[in-house]
Amino acid sequence: MLSYNKEKPLIAFVVPTGIGASVGGFAGDASQVARTFAKDFNVIVNPNVVNAACFSGITDNMLYVEGWYLSQFIKGNLRLLPSSNNKVGVIFDKGISQGILNVHINTINAVKTVYGIDIMGYEITEEPCKVEFYNTISGISSGSVLNNETLLKAGKRLVEKGAKTIAVVCKFEEPPEDNYQNGEGVDIVGGVEAVISHYLTRELKVPVAHSPAFEDITISKEIVDPKTAAEYITPTFLPCILIGLSNAPLISYEKGEHYIGVESLKALIMPYNALGSSIVLDALVKNIKVYAVKENTSVLNITKAHIGRDDIIEVDTYIECLEKLEEL
């Protein structure tokens, strides 16, 4: 159950998806660091920080906030409403074969049984979604959904039935061979997953997270890098997003003691050279301290020097960042 303590400062710990971050660019490998911060702070995390296939690194005082939602929060356009035991609806891509769909339905039932999560039902899209993914020239992962309207229609049906948050499972083709399993490179499917969740969260005004479905669900018999291991021991990545969405804060445009506004945010923590997003500039405009952590690098190579902002605080490690935050 969510445990938001108003006596503790609120910070945001963010690792963007699909940028090859050395910490948080794989499968829940930023969780340990985020959990350390959560001992002393209320921590907003984007799903990429804690999602780890069949595992989740989330703790009771973490606020699981999707990327579009987070950007609008920092702009001051909406507020967070702490919530627990949300009704979670699930969208399945019609392109998923029956056998793989059955694995995911079994997963839903297992999560309901073990965690008591209120999964209120699922909708299958009327048409296949047809997801494409790739790495861009700059090296980050991206992609598109050729039939995003069918996703939106399924999402609307779930919201009409009472879903407060939505998990999405789209069919993905097998990614090309790369060094991801060795803890190197970029998660090639991460970027388009963010595209899907941004689109549906923006349109439906409910928190959304995505999990890919692959036809080949063979469990790896090879030893892989520990940072990616969670994704090689399970046929489905759905459990982590169901766990996160169950207690995700809801989107609100109201004000009052029960709502969290950007004025409560004390700090934003980012990878050292991933500072080009709007959340960084918007945080600085609102005099929120922004920390760039040098031990976490990405393929983006956008540092404070590149954006010309001397007010960003560079630190060598997350531990050093935590020590500075304790002065808040």
C-alpha atoms as a PDB file:
ATOM      1  CA  MET A   1       0.000   0.000   0.000  1.00  0.00           C
ATOM      2  CA  LEU A   2       1.196   3.494  -0.843  1.00  0.00           C
ATOM      3  CA  SER A   3       2.684   5.304   2.151  1.00  0.00           C
ATOM      4  CA  TYR A   4       3.232   8.968   1.301  1.00  0.00           C
ATOM      5  CA  ASN A   5       4.719  10.776   4.288  1.00  0.00           C
ATOM      6  CA  LYS A   6       4.174  14.540   4.067  1.00  0.00           C
ATOM      7  CA  GLU A   7       6.938  15.054   6.609  1.00  0.00           C
ATOM      8  CA  LYS A   8       9.534  13.768   4.148  1.00  0.00           C
ATOM      9  CA  PRO A   9      10.792  15.876   1.209  1.00  0.00           C
ATOM     10  CA  LEU A  10       9.651  14.913  -2.287  1.00  0.00           C
ATOM     11  CA  ILE A  11      12.243  14.270  -5.007  1.00  0.00           C
ATOM     12  CA  ALA A  12      12.114  12.842  -8.532  1.00  0.00           C
ATOM     13  CA  PHE A  13      14.536  10.080  -9.548  1.00  0.00           C
ATOM     14  CA  VAL A  14      14.395   9.762 -13.320  1.00  0.00           C
ATOM     15  CA  VAL A  15      16.149   7.565 -15.869  1.00  0.00           C
ATOM     16  CA  PRO A  16      14.634   8.089 -19.343  1.00  0.00           C
ATOM     17  CA  THR A  17      13.780   4.963 -21.312  1.00  0.00           C
ATOM     18  CA  GLY A  18      15.755   3.756 -24.320  1.00  0.00           C
ATOM     19  CA  ILE A  19      18.821   5.985 -23.979  1.00  0.00           C
ATOM     20  CA  GLY A  20      21.348   3.319 -22.991  1.00  0.00           C
ATOM     21  CA  ALA A  21      21.777   4.626 -19.445  1.00  0.00           C
ATOM     22  CA  SER A  22      24.594   2.802 -17.677  1.00  0.00           C
ATOM     23  CA  VAL A  23      22.370   2.742 -14.566  1.00  0.00           C
ATOM     24  CA  GLY A  24      18.724   2.108 -15.360  1.00  0.00           C
ATOM     25  CA  GLY A  25      19.095   1.298 -19.036  1.00  0.00           C
ATOM     26  CA  PHE A  26      18.399  -2.400 -18.649  1.00  0.00           C
ATOM     27  CA  ALA A  27      15.960  -4.318 -16.416  1.00  0.00           C
ATOM     28  CA  GLY A  28      15.278  -2.660 -13.086  1.00  0.00           C
ATOM     29  CA  ASP A  29      18.973  -2.037 -12.524  1.00  0.00           C
ATOM     30  CA  ALA A  30      18.330   1.432 -11.077  1.00  0.00           C
ATOM     31  CA  SER A  31      16.024  -0.015  -8.426  1.00  0.00           C
ATOM     32  CA  GLN A  32      18.669  -0.488  -5.750  1.00  0.00           C
ATOM     33  CA  VAL A  33      19.753   3.133  -6.018  1.00  0.00           C
ATOM     34  CA  ALA A  34      16.193   4.468  -6.002  1.00  0.00           C
ATOM     35  CA  ARG A  35      15.356   2.324  -2.966  1.00  0.00           C
ATOM     36  CA  THR A  36      18.282   3.869  -1.120  1.00  0.00           C
ATOM     37  CA  PHE A  37      16.876   7.354  -1.761  1.00  0.00           C
ATOM     38  CA  ALA A  38      13.413   6.174  -0.708  1.00  0.00           C
ATOM     39  CA  LYS A  39      14.646   5.476   2.821  1.00  0.00           C
ATOM     40  CA  ASP A  40      14.778   9.221   3.492  1.00  0.00           C
ATOM     41  CA  PHE A  41      12.525  10.753   0.832  1.00  0.00           C
ATOM     42  CA  ASN A  42       9.250  10.389  -0.992  1.00  0.00           C
ATOM     43  CA  VAL A  43      10.487   9.504  -4.475  1.00  0.00           C
ATOM     44  CA  ILE A  44       8.804   9.988  -7.826  1.00  0.00           C
ATOM     45  CA  VAL A  45      10.126   7.352 -10.230  1.00  0.00           C
ATOM     46  CA  ASN A  46       9.331   6.861 -13.886  1.00  0.00           C
ATOM     47  CA  PRO A  47       8.414   3.197 -14.559  1.00  0.00           C
ATOM     48  CA  ASN A  48      11.745   2.510 -16.284  1.00  0.00           C
ATOM     49  CA  VAL A  49      13.554   2.920 -12.944  1.00  0.00           C
ATOM     50  CA  VAL A  50      11.807   0.027 -11.174  1.00  0.00           C
ATOM     51  CA  ASN A  51      10.290  -2.193 -13.894  1.00  0.00           C
ATOM     52  CA  ALA A  52      12.061  -5.544 -14.047  1.00  0.00           C
ATOM     53  CA  ALA A  53       9.888  -8.022 -15.937  1.00  0.00           C
ATOM     54  CA  CYS A  54       8.523 -10.418 -13.284  1.00  0.00           C
ATOM     55  CA  PHE A  55      10.037  -8.285 -10.497  1.00  0.00           C
ATOM     56  CA  SER A  56       9.459  -4.727  -9.348  1.00  0.00           C
ATOM     57  CA  GLY A  57      11.841  -2.519  -7.387  1.00  0.00           C
ATOM     58  CA  ILE A  58       9.070  -0.219  -6.174  1.00  0.00           C
ATOM     59  CA  THR A  59       8.623   0.560  -2.470  1.00  0.00           C
ATOM     60  CA  ASP A  60       5.691   1.971  -0.516  1.00  0.00           C
ATOM     61  CA  ASN A  61       6.865   5.583  -0.642  1.00  0.00           C
ATOM     62  CA  MET A  62       7.668   5.653  -4.354  1.00  0.00           C
ATOM     63  CA  LEU A  63       5.264   7.418  -6.702  1.00  0.00           C
ATOM     64  CA  TYR A  64       5.122   5.514 -10.026  1.00  0.00           C
ATOM     65  CA  VAL A  65       4.620   8.292 -12.594  1.00  0.00           C
ATOM     66  CA  GLU A  66       4.561   7.780 -16.373  1.00  0.00           C
ATOM     67  CA  GLY A  67       6.727  10.101 -18.478  1.00  0.00           C
ATOM     68  CA  TRP A  68       4.052  12.345 -20.047  1.00  0.00           C
ATOM     69  CA  TYR A  69       2.353  12.623 -16.660  1.00  0.00           C
ATOM     70  CA  LEU A  70       5.670  13.551 -15.048  1.00  0.00           C
ATOM     71  CA  SER A  71       6.399  16.257 -17.623  1.00  0.00           C
ATOM     72  CA  GLN A  72       2.973  17.822 -17.149  1.00  0.00           C
ATOM     73  CA  PHE A  73       3.351  17.653 -13.368  1.00  0.00           C
ATOM     74  CA  ILE A  74       6.663  19.518 -13.463  1.00  0.00           C
ATOM     75  CA  LYS A  75       5.163  22.115 -15.809  1.00  0.00           C
ATOM     76  CA  GLY A  76       2.501  22.667 -13.141  1.00  0.00           C
ATOM     77  CA  ASN A  77      -0.350  21.630 -15.449  1.00  0.00           C
ATOM     78  CA  LEU A  78      -1.678  18.892 -13.163  1.00  0.00           C
ATOM     79  CA  ARG A  79      -1.219  17.348  -9.748  1.00  0.00           C
ATOM     80  CA  LEU A  80      -0.606  13.905  -8.249  1.00  0.00           C
ATOM     81  CA  LEU A  81      -3.304  12.240  -6.181  1.00  0.00           C
ATOM     82  CA  PRO A  82      -1.704   9.523  -4.023  1.00  0.00           C
ATOM     83  CA  SER A  83      -3.736   6.353  -4.414  1.00  0.00           C
ATOM     84  CA  SER A  84      -3.635   2.674  -3.556  1.00  0.00           C
ATOM     85  CA  ASN A  85      -5.343  -0.502  -4.747  1.00  0.00           C
ATOM     86  CA  ASN A  86      -6.276   1.097  -8.057  1.00  0.00           C
ATOM     87  CA  LYS A  87      -8.556  -0.772 -10.417  1.00  0.00           C
ATOM     88  CA  VAL A  88      -6.196  -1.832 -13.209  1.00  0.00           C
ATOM     89  CA  GLY A  89      -7.448  -2.560 -16.707  1.00  0.00           C
ATOM     90  CA  VAL A  90      -5.356  -4.394 -19.303  1.00  0.00           C
ATOM     91  CA  ILE A  91      -5.248  -3.857 -23.079  1.00  0.00           C
ATOM     92  CA  PHE A  92      -4.080  -6.764 -25.239  1.00  0.00           C
ATOM     93  CA  ASP A  93      -3.050  -6.344 -28.874  1.00  0.00           C
ATOM     94  CA  LYS A  94      -5.202  -8.464 -31.198  1.00  0.00           C
ATOM     95  CA  GLY A  95      -1.975  -9.432 -32.949  1.00  0.00           C
ATOM     96  CA  ILE A  96      -0.929 -11.574 -29.976  1.00  0.00           C
ATOM     97  CA  SER A  97      -1.454 -15.289 -30.647  1.00  0.00           C
ATOM     98  CA  GLN A  98      -3.869 -17.235 -28.451  1.00  0.00           C
ATOM     99  CA  GLY A  99      -1.118 -19.242 -26.752  1.00  0.00           C
ATOM    100  CA  ILE A 100       0.855 -16.145 -25.772  1.00  0.00           C
ATOM    101  CA  LEU A 101      -2.368 -14.427 -24.688  1.00  0.00           C
ATOM    102  CA  ASN A 102      -3.079 -17.396 -22.411  1.00  0.00           C
ATOM    103  CA  VAL A 103       0.345 -16.980 -20.781  1.00  0.00           C
ATOM    104  CA  HIS A 104      -0.489 -13.356 -20.035  1.00  0.00           C
ATOM    105  CA  ILE A 105      -3.936 -14.182 -18.690  1.00  0.00           C
ATOM    106  CA  ASN A 106      -2.308 -16.730 -16.382  1.00  0.00           C
ATOM    107  CA  THR A 107       0.096 -13.983 -15.353  1.00  0.00           C
ATOM    108  CA  ILE A 108      -2.797 -11.667 -14.489  1.00  0.00           C
ATOM    109  CA  ASN A 109      -4.418 -14.376 -12.381  1.00  0.00           C
ATOM    110  CA  ALA A 110      -1.144 -15.132 -10.603  1.00  0.00           C
ATOM    111  CA  VAL A 111      -0.566 -11.461  -9.773  1.00  0.00           C
ATOM    112  CA  LYS A 112      -4.140 -11.137  -8.498  1.00  0.00           C
ATOM    113  CA  THR A 113      -3.721 -14.225  -6.345  1.00  0.00           C
ATOM    114  CA  VAL A 114      -0.331 -13.349  -4.851  1.00  0.00           C
ATOM    115  CA  TYR A 115      -0.610  -9.561  -4.483  1.00  0.00           C
ATOM    116  CA  GLY A 116      -4.368  -9.023  -4.282  1.00  0.00           C
ATOM    117  CA  ILE A 117      -4.178  -6.435  -7.070  1.00  0.00           C
ATOM    118  CA  ASP A 118      -7.579  -5.312  -8.338  1.00  0.00           C
ATOM    119  CA  ILE A 119      -7.306  -6.182 -12.040  1.00  0.00           C
ATOM    120  CA  MET A 120     -10.831  -5.392 -13.186  1.00  0.00           C
ATOM    121  CA  GLY A 121     -10.609  -6.995 -16.615  1.00  0.00           C
ATOM    122  CA  TYR A 122      -9.040  -6.791 -20.038  1.00  0.00           C
ATOM    123  CA  GLU A 123      -9.917  -5.671 -23.552  1.00  0.00           C
ATOM    124  CA  ILE A 124      -8.488  -7.027 -26.794  1.00  0.00           C
ATOM    125  CA  THR A 125      -8.024  -4.418 -29.505  1.00  0.00           C
ATOM    126  CA  GLU A 126     -10.348  -4.668 -32.483  1.00  0.00           C
ATOM    127  CA  GLU A 127      -7.394  -4.723 -34.872  1.00  0.00           C
ATOM    128  CA  PRO A 128      -3.674  -5.609 -34.586  1.00  0.00           C
ATOM    129  CA  CYS A 129      -1.637  -2.639 -33.324  1.00  0.00           C
ATOM    130  CA  LYS A 130       1.421  -3.237 -35.568  1.00  0.00           C
ATOM    131  CA  VAL A 131       4.290  -1.899 -33.500  1.00  0.00           C
ATOM    132  CA  GLU A 132       7.592  -0.941 -35.124  1.00  0.00           C
ATOM    133  CA  PHE A 133      10.784  -0.227 -33.180  1.00  0.00           C
ATOM    134  CA  TYR A 134      14.331   0.807 -34.051  1.00  0.00           C
ATOM    135  CA  ASN A 135      17.354   2.756 -32.906  1.00  0.00           C
ATOM    136  CA  THR A 136      17.682   6.269 -34.315  1.00  0.00           C
ATOM    137  CA  ILE A 137      20.829   7.778 -35.860  1.00  0.00           C
ATOM    138  CA  SER A 138      21.609   9.328 -32.464  1.00  0.00           C
ATOM    139  CA  GLY A 139      21.557   5.858 -30.900  1.00  0.00           C
ATOM    140  CA  ILE A 140      18.398   6.097 -28.780  1.00  0.00           C
ATOM    141  CA  SER A 141      15.522   3.688 -29.275  1.00  0.00           C
ATOM    142  CA  SER A 142      12.254   4.812 -30.798  1.00  0.00           C
ATOM    143  CA  GLY A 143       9.383   3.514 -32.898  1.00  0.00           C
ATOM    144  CA  SER A 144       5.744   3.890 -33.779  1.00  0.00           C
ATOM    145  CA  VAL A 145       2.358   2.189 -33.615  1.00  0.00           C
ATOM    146  CA  LEU A 146       0.770   2.006 -37.045  1.00  0.00           C
ATOM    147  CA  ASN A 147      -2.711   1.508 -35.592  1.00  0.00           C
ATOM    148  CA  ASN A 148      -2.795   3.530 -32.388  1.00  0.00           C
ATOM    149  CA  GLU A 149      -6.517   4.307 -32.706  1.00  0.00           C
ATOM    150  CA  THR A 150      -7.388   0.693 -31.927  1.00  0.00           C
ATOM    151  CA  LEU A 151      -5.376   0.997 -28.688  1.00  0.00           C
ATOM    152  CA  LEU A 152      -7.198   4.166 -27.736  1.00  0.00           C
ATOM    153  CA  LYS A 153     -10.617   2.624 -28.338  1.00  0.00           C
ATOM    154  CA  ALA A 154      -9.769  -0.334 -26.091  1.00  0.00           C
ATOM    155  CA  GLY A 155      -8.479   2.052 -23.425  1.00  0.00           C
ATOM    156  CA  LYS A 156     -11.684   4.087 -23.521  1.00  0.00           C
ATOM    157  CA  ARG A 157     -13.747   0.935 -23.020  1.00  0.00           C
ATOM    158  CA  LEU A 158     -11.729   0.081 -19.917  1.00  0.00           C
ATOM    159  CA  VAL A 159     -12.028   3.595 -18.483  1.00  0.00           C
ATOM    160  CA  GLU A 160     -15.795   3.504 -19.055  1.00  0.00           C
ATOM    161  CA  LYS A 161     -15.889   0.251 -17.065  1.00  0.00           C
ATOM    162  CA  GLY A 162     -14.048   1.857 -14.130  1.00  0.00           C
ATOM    163  CA  ALA A 163     -10.330   1.325 -14.734  1.00  0.00           C
ATOM    164  CA  LYS A 164      -8.200   3.927 -12.927  1.00  0.00           C
ATOM    165  CA  THR A 165      -4.899   2.802 -14.473  1.00  0.00           C
ATOM    166  CA  ILE A 166      -4.138   0.790 -17.608  1.00  0.00           C
ATOM    167  CA  ALA A 167      -1.524  -1.810 -18.500  1.00  0.00           C
ATOM    168  CA  VAL A 168      -0.882  -2.308 -22.220  1.00  0.00           C
ATOM    169  CA  VAL A 169       0.560  -5.407 -23.862  1.00  0.00           C
ATOM    170  CA  CYS A 170       1.431  -5.111 -27.550  1.00  0.00           C
ATOM    171  CA  LYS A 171       2.891  -7.745 -29.836  1.00  0.00           C
ATOM    172  CA  PHE A 172       6.545  -7.072 -30.683  1.00  0.00           C
ATOM    173  CA  GLU A 173       8.614  -8.837 -33.291  1.00  0.00           C
ATOM    174  CA  GLU A 174      11.842 -10.381 -32.059  1.00  0.00           C
ATOM    175  CA  PRO A 175      14.566  -7.707 -31.738  1.00  0.00           C
ATOM    176  CA  PRO A 176      17.803  -8.138 -33.695  1.00  0.00           C
ATOM    177  CA  GLU A 177      20.838  -9.660 -32.030  1.00  0.00           C
ATOM    178  CA  ASP A 178      22.881  -7.119 -30.060  1.00  0.00           C
ATOM    179  CA  ASN A 179      24.907  -6.823 -26.842  1.00  0.00           C
ATOM    180  CA  TYR A 180      21.955  -5.983 -24.594  1.00  0.00           C
ATOM    181  CA  GLN A 181      22.096  -9.334 -22.785  1.00  0.00           C
ATOM    182  CA  ASN A 182      25.724  -8.547 -21.977  1.00  0.00           C
ATOM    183  CA  GLY A 183      24.775  -5.291 -20.281  1.00  0.00           C
ATOM    184  CA  GLU A 184      25.800  -3.078 -23.207  1.00  0.00           C
ATOM    185  CA  GLY A 185      24.011  -0.837 -25.672  1.00  0.00           C
ATOM    186  CA  VAL A 186      20.426   0.390 -25.779  1.00  0.00           C
ATOM    187  CA  ASP A 187      17.165  -1.417 -25.044  1.00  0.00           C
ATOM    188  CA  ILE A 188      15.799  -1.250 -28.575  1.00  0.00           C
ATOM    189  CA  VAL A 189      12.151  -1.711 -27.542  1.00  0.00           C
ATOM    190  CA  GLY A 190      12.178   0.820 -24.700  1.00  0.00           C
ATOM    191  CA  GLY A 191      11.654   3.920 -26.802  1.00  0.00           C
ATOM    192  CA  VAL A 192       8.453   2.817 -28.503  1.00  0.00           C
ATOM    193  CA  GLU A 193       7.103   1.586 -25.166  1.00  0.00           C
ATOM    194  CA  ALA A 194       7.423   5.174 -23.951  1.00  0.00           C
ATOM    195  CA  VAL A 195       5.672   6.383 -27.125  1.00  0.00           C
ATOM    196  CA  ILE A 196       2.733   4.085 -26.369  1.00  0.00           C
ATOM    197  CA  SER A 197       2.413   5.043 -22.697  1.00  0.00           C
ATOM    198  CA  HIS A 198       2.794   8.791 -23.424  1.00  0.00           C
ATOM    199  CA  TYR A 199       0.069   8.674 -26.067  1.00  0.00           C
ATOM    200  CA  LEU A 200      -2.477   6.758 -24.018  1.00  0.00           C
ATOM    201  CA  THR A 201      -1.819   8.637 -20.773  1.00  0.00           C
ATOM    202  CA  ARG A 202      -2.243  11.956 -22.594  1.00  0.00           C
ATOM    203  CA  GLU A 203      -5.464  10.882 -24.325  1.00  0.00           C
ATOM    204  CA  LEU A 204      -7.116   8.934 -21.498  1.00  0.00           C
ATOM    205  CA  LYS A 205      -5.860  11.024 -18.550  1.00  0.00           C
ATOM    206  CA  VAL A 206      -5.079   7.882 -16.534  1.00  0.00           C
ATOM    207  CA  PRO A 207      -1.647   6.395 -15.736  1.00  0.00           C
ATOM    208  CA  VAL A 208      -0.542   3.884 -18.384  1.00  0.00           C
ATOM    209  CA  ALA A 209       2.440   1.529 -18.593  1.00  0.00           C
ATOM    210  CA  HIS A 210       3.460  -0.894 -21.343  1.00  0.00           C
ATOM    211  CA  SER A 211       4.823  -4.435 -21.473  1.00  0.00           C
ATOM    212  CA  PRO A 212       5.872  -6.147 -24.726  1.00  0.00           C
ATOM    213  CA  ALA A 213       4.708  -9.610 -25.783  1.00  0.00           C
ATOM    214  CA  PHE A 214       6.987 -11.823 -27.888  1.00  0.00           C
ATOM    215  CA  GLU A 215       6.039 -15.035 -29.647  1.00  0.00           C
ATOM    216  CA  ASP A 216       9.290 -16.696 -28.580  1.00  0.00           C
ATOM    217  CA  ILE A 217       8.954 -17.135 -24.811  1.00  0.00           C
ATOM    218  CA  THR A 218      11.814 -19.603 -24.453  1.00  0.00           C
ATOM    219  CA  ILE A 219      13.657 -19.175 -21.153  1.00  0.00           C
ATOM    220  CA  SER A 220      17.350 -18.491 -21.715  1.00  0.00           C
ATOM    221  CA  LYS A 221      19.741 -21.221 -20.621  1.00  0.00           C
ATOM    222  CA  GLU A 222      22.736 -18.918 -21.003  1.00  0.00           C
ATOM    223  CA  ILE A 223      24.249 -16.752 -18.273  1.00  0.00           C
ATOM    224  CA  VAL A 224      23.523 -13.107 -19.069  1.00  0.00           C
ATOM    225  CA  ASP A 225      24.631  -9.860 -17.469  1.00  0.00           C
ATOM    226  CA  PRO A 226      23.002  -9.354 -14.024  1.00  0.00           C
ATOM    227  CA  LYS A 227      21.577  -6.022 -15.202  1.00  0.00           C
ATOM    228  CA  THR A 228      19.442  -7.803 -17.814  1.00  0.00           C
ATOM    229  CA  ALA A 229      18.811 -11.100 -16.017  1.00  0.00           C
ATOM    230  CA  ALA A 230      15.205 -10.319 -15.021  1.00  0.00           C
ATOM    231  CA  GLU A 231      14.153 -10.309 -18.665  1.00  0.00           C
ATOM    232  CA  TYR A 232      15.698 -13.687 -19.444  1.00  0.00           C
ATOM    233  CA  ILE A 233      13.979 -15.806 -16.794  1.00  0.00           C
ATOM    234  CA  THR A 234      10.329 -15.097 -17.557  1.00  0.00           C
ATOM    235  CA  PRO A 235       7.996 -15.459 -20.551  1.00  0.00           C
ATOM    236  CA  THR A 236       6.162 -12.210 -19.737  1.00  0.00           C
ATOM    237  CA  PHE A 237       7.159  -8.748 -18.503  1.00  0.00           C
ATOM    238  CA  LEU A 238       3.644  -7.912 -17.302  1.00  0.00           C
ATOM    239  CA  PRO A 239       3.951  -8.382 -13.496  1.00  0.00           C
ATOM    240  CA  CYS A 240       6.107  -5.298 -12.851  1.00  0.00           C
ATOM    241  CA  ILE A 241       3.709  -2.870 -14.508  1.00  0.00           C
ATOM    242  CA  LEU A 242       0.660  -4.363 -12.762  1.00  0.00           C
ATOM    243  CA  ILE A 243       2.423  -3.916  -9.427  1.00  0.00           C
ATOM    244  CA  GLY A 244       3.430  -0.345 -10.257  1.00  0.00           C
ATOM    245  CA  LEU A 245       0.029   0.711 -11.584  1.00  0.00           C
ATOM    246  CA  SER A 246      -1.803  -0.748  -8.605  1.00  0.00           C
ATOM    247  CA  ASN A 247      -0.545   2.075  -6.379  1.00  0.00           C
ATOM    248  CA  ALA A 248       0.294   4.713  -8.985  1.00  0.00           C
ATOM    249  CA  PRO A 249      -0.851   8.258  -8.150  1.00  0.00           C
ATOM    250  CA  LEU A 250      -3.845   9.352 -10.197  1.00  0.00           C
ATOM    251  CA  ILE A 251      -3.961  12.386 -12.475  1.00  0.00           C
ATOM    252  CA  SER A 252      -5.791  15.349 -10.975  1.00  0.00           C
ATOM    253  CA  TYR A 253      -6.468  18.968 -11.814  1.00  0.00           C
ATOM    254  CA  GLU A 254      -7.777  19.715  -8.322  1.00  0.00           C
ATOM    255  CA  LYS A 255      -6.058  21.542  -5.474  1.00  0.00           C
ATOM    256  CA  GLY A 256      -6.169  20.719  -1.785  1.00  0.00           C
ATOM    257  CA  GLU A 257      -4.354  18.956   1.013  1.00  0.00           C
ATOM    258  CA  HIS A 258      -4.739  15.531  -0.569  1.00  0.00           C
ATOM    259  CA  TYR A 259      -3.064  16.540  -3.838  1.00  0.00           C
ATOM    260  CA  ILE A 260       0.629  16.951  -4.612  1.00  0.00           C
ATOM    261  CA  GLY A 261       1.708  19.890  -6.752  1.00  0.00           C
ATOM    262  CA  VAL A 262       5.067  20.736  -8.288  1.00  0.00           C
ATOM    263  CA  GLU A 263       5.659  23.230  -5.488  1.00  0.00           C
ATOM    264  CA  SER A 264       6.324  20.219  -3.231  1.00  0.00           C
ATOM    265  CA  LEU A 265       9.136  18.910  -5.437  1.00  0.00           C
ATOM    266  CA  LYS A 266      12.559  19.704  -3.988  1.00  0.00           C
ATOM    267  CA  ALA A 267      14.931  18.026  -6.438  1.00  0.00           C
ATOM    268  CA  LEU A 268      15.195  16.252  -9.789  1.00  0.00           C
ATOM    269  CA  ILE A 269      17.933  13.638 -10.248  1.00  0.00           C
ATOM    270  CA  MET A 270      19.043  12.810 -13.804  1.00  0.00           C
ATOM    271  CA  PRO A 271      21.794  10.871 -15.591  1.00  0.00           C
ATOM    272  CA  TYR A 272      24.832  13.076 -16.219  1.00  0.00           C
ATOM    273  CA  ASN A 273      24.424  13.575 -19.961  1.00  0.00           C
ATOM    274  CA  ALA A 274      20.657  13.119 -20.440  1.00  0.00           C
ATOM    275  CA  LEU A 275      19.631  16.690 -19.691  1.00  0.00           C
ATOM    276  CA  GLY A 276      17.863  17.647 -22.906  1.00  0.00           C
ATOM    277  CA  SER A 277      14.290  16.864 -21.841  1.00  0.00           C
ATOM    278  CA  SER A 278      11.690  19.462 -20.934  1.00  0.00           C
ATOM    279  CA  ILE A 279      11.485  18.249 -17.343  1.00  0.00           C
ATOM    280  CA  VAL A 280      15.006  19.553 -16.688  1.00  0.00           C
ATOM    281  CA  LEU A 281      14.374  23.047 -18.045  1.00  0.00           C
ATOM    282  CA  ASP A 282      10.927  23.262 -16.439  1.00  0.00           C
ATOM    283  CA  ALA A 283      12.352  22.229 -13.073  1.00  0.00           C
ATOM    284  CA  LEU A 284      15.037  24.916 -13.296  1.00  0.00           C
ATOM    285  CA  VAL A 285      12.442  27.560 -14.136  1.00  0.00           C
ATOM    286  CA  LYS A 286      10.626  26.608 -10.939  1.00  0.00           C
ATOM    287  CA  ASN A 287      13.868  26.756  -8.881  1.00  0.00           C
ATOM    288  CA  ILE A 288      13.872  23.016  -8.290  1.00  0.00           C
ATOM    289  CA  LYS A 289      17.394  21.709  -7.742  1.00  0.00           C
ATOM    290  CA  VAL A 290      18.585  19.541 -10.631  1.00  0.00           C
ATOM    291  CA  TYR A 291      21.378  17.013 -10.047  1.00  0.00           C
ATOM    292  CA  ALA A 292      23.346  15.382 -12.884  1.00  0.00           C
ATOM    293  CA  VAL A 293      25.042  12.170 -11.750  1.00  0.00           C
ATOM    294  CA  LYS A 294      28.312  11.432 -13.553  1.00  0.00           C
ATOM    295  CA  GLU A 295      28.361   7.705 -12.797  1.00  0.00           C
ATOM    296  CA  ASN A 296      25.250   7.347 -14.966  1.00  0.00           C
ATOM    297  CA  THR A 297      25.891   8.151 -18.631  1.00  0.00           C
ATOM    298  CA  SER A 298      23.841   7.607 -21.782  1.00  0.00           C
ATOM    299  CA  VAL A 299      24.155   7.785 -25.559  1.00  0.00           C
ATOM    300  CA  LEU A 300      22.549  11.241 -25.573  1.00  0.00           C
ATOM    301  CA  ASN A 301      25.628  13.215 -24.464  1.00  0.00           C
ATOM    302  CA  ILE A 302      23.610  16.307 -23.468  1.00  0.00           C
ATOM    303  CA  THR A 303      25.313  17.812 -20.411  1.00  0.00           C
ATOM    304  CA  LYS A 304      24.781  21.081 -18.599  1.00  0.00           C
ATOM    305  CA  ALA A 305      27.509  22.603 -20.780  1.00  0.00           C
ATOM    306  CA  HIS A 306      25.521  21.714 -23.900  1.00  0.00           C
ATOM    307  CA  ILE A 307      22.362  23.427 -22.655  1.00  0.00           C
ATOM    308  CA  GLY A 308      24.226  26.331 -21.081  1.00  0.00           C
ATOM    309  CA  ARG A 309      22.863  26.031 -17.549  1.00  0.00           C
ATOM    310  CA  ASP A 310      25.321  26.663 -14.736  1.00  0.00           C
ATOM    311  CA  ASP A 311      22.647  26.061 -12.093  1.00  0.00           C
ATOM    312  CA  ILE A 312      22.622  22.288 -12.663  1.00  0.00           C
ATOM    313  CA  ILE A 313      24.531  20.543  -9.876  1.00  0.00           C
ATOM    314  CA  GLU A 314      26.980  17.902 -11.084  1.00  0.00           C
ATOM    315  CA  VAL A 315      27.928  15.095  -8.700  1.00  0.00           C
ATOM    316  CA  ASP A 316      30.173  12.089  -9.214  1.00  0.00           C
ATOM    317  CA  THR A 317      27.956   9.405  -7.707  1.00  0.00           C
ATOM    318  CA  TYR A 318      24.440   8.756  -6.479  1.00  0.00           C
ATOM    319  CA  ILE A 319      25.822   8.455  -2.953  1.00  0.00           C
ATOM    320  CA  GLU A 320      27.271  11.960  -3.212  1.00  0.00           C
ATOM    321  CA  CYS A 321      23.909  13.160  -4.523  1.00  0.00           C
ATOM    322  CA  LEU A 322      22.134  11.590  -1.561  1.00  0.00           C
ATOM    323  CA  GLU A 323      24.509  13.301   0.845  1.00  0.00           C
ATOM    324  CA  LYS A 324      23.740  16.679  -0.731  1.00  0.00           C
ATOM    325  CA  LEU A 325      20.027  16.000  -0.624  1.00  0.00           C
ATOM    326  CA  GLU A 326      20.159  15.315   3.092  1.00  0.00           C
ATOM    327  CA  GLU A 327      20.830  19.042   3.505  1.00  0.00           C
ATOM    328  CA  LEU A 328      17.308  19.817   2.221  1.00  0.00           C
END
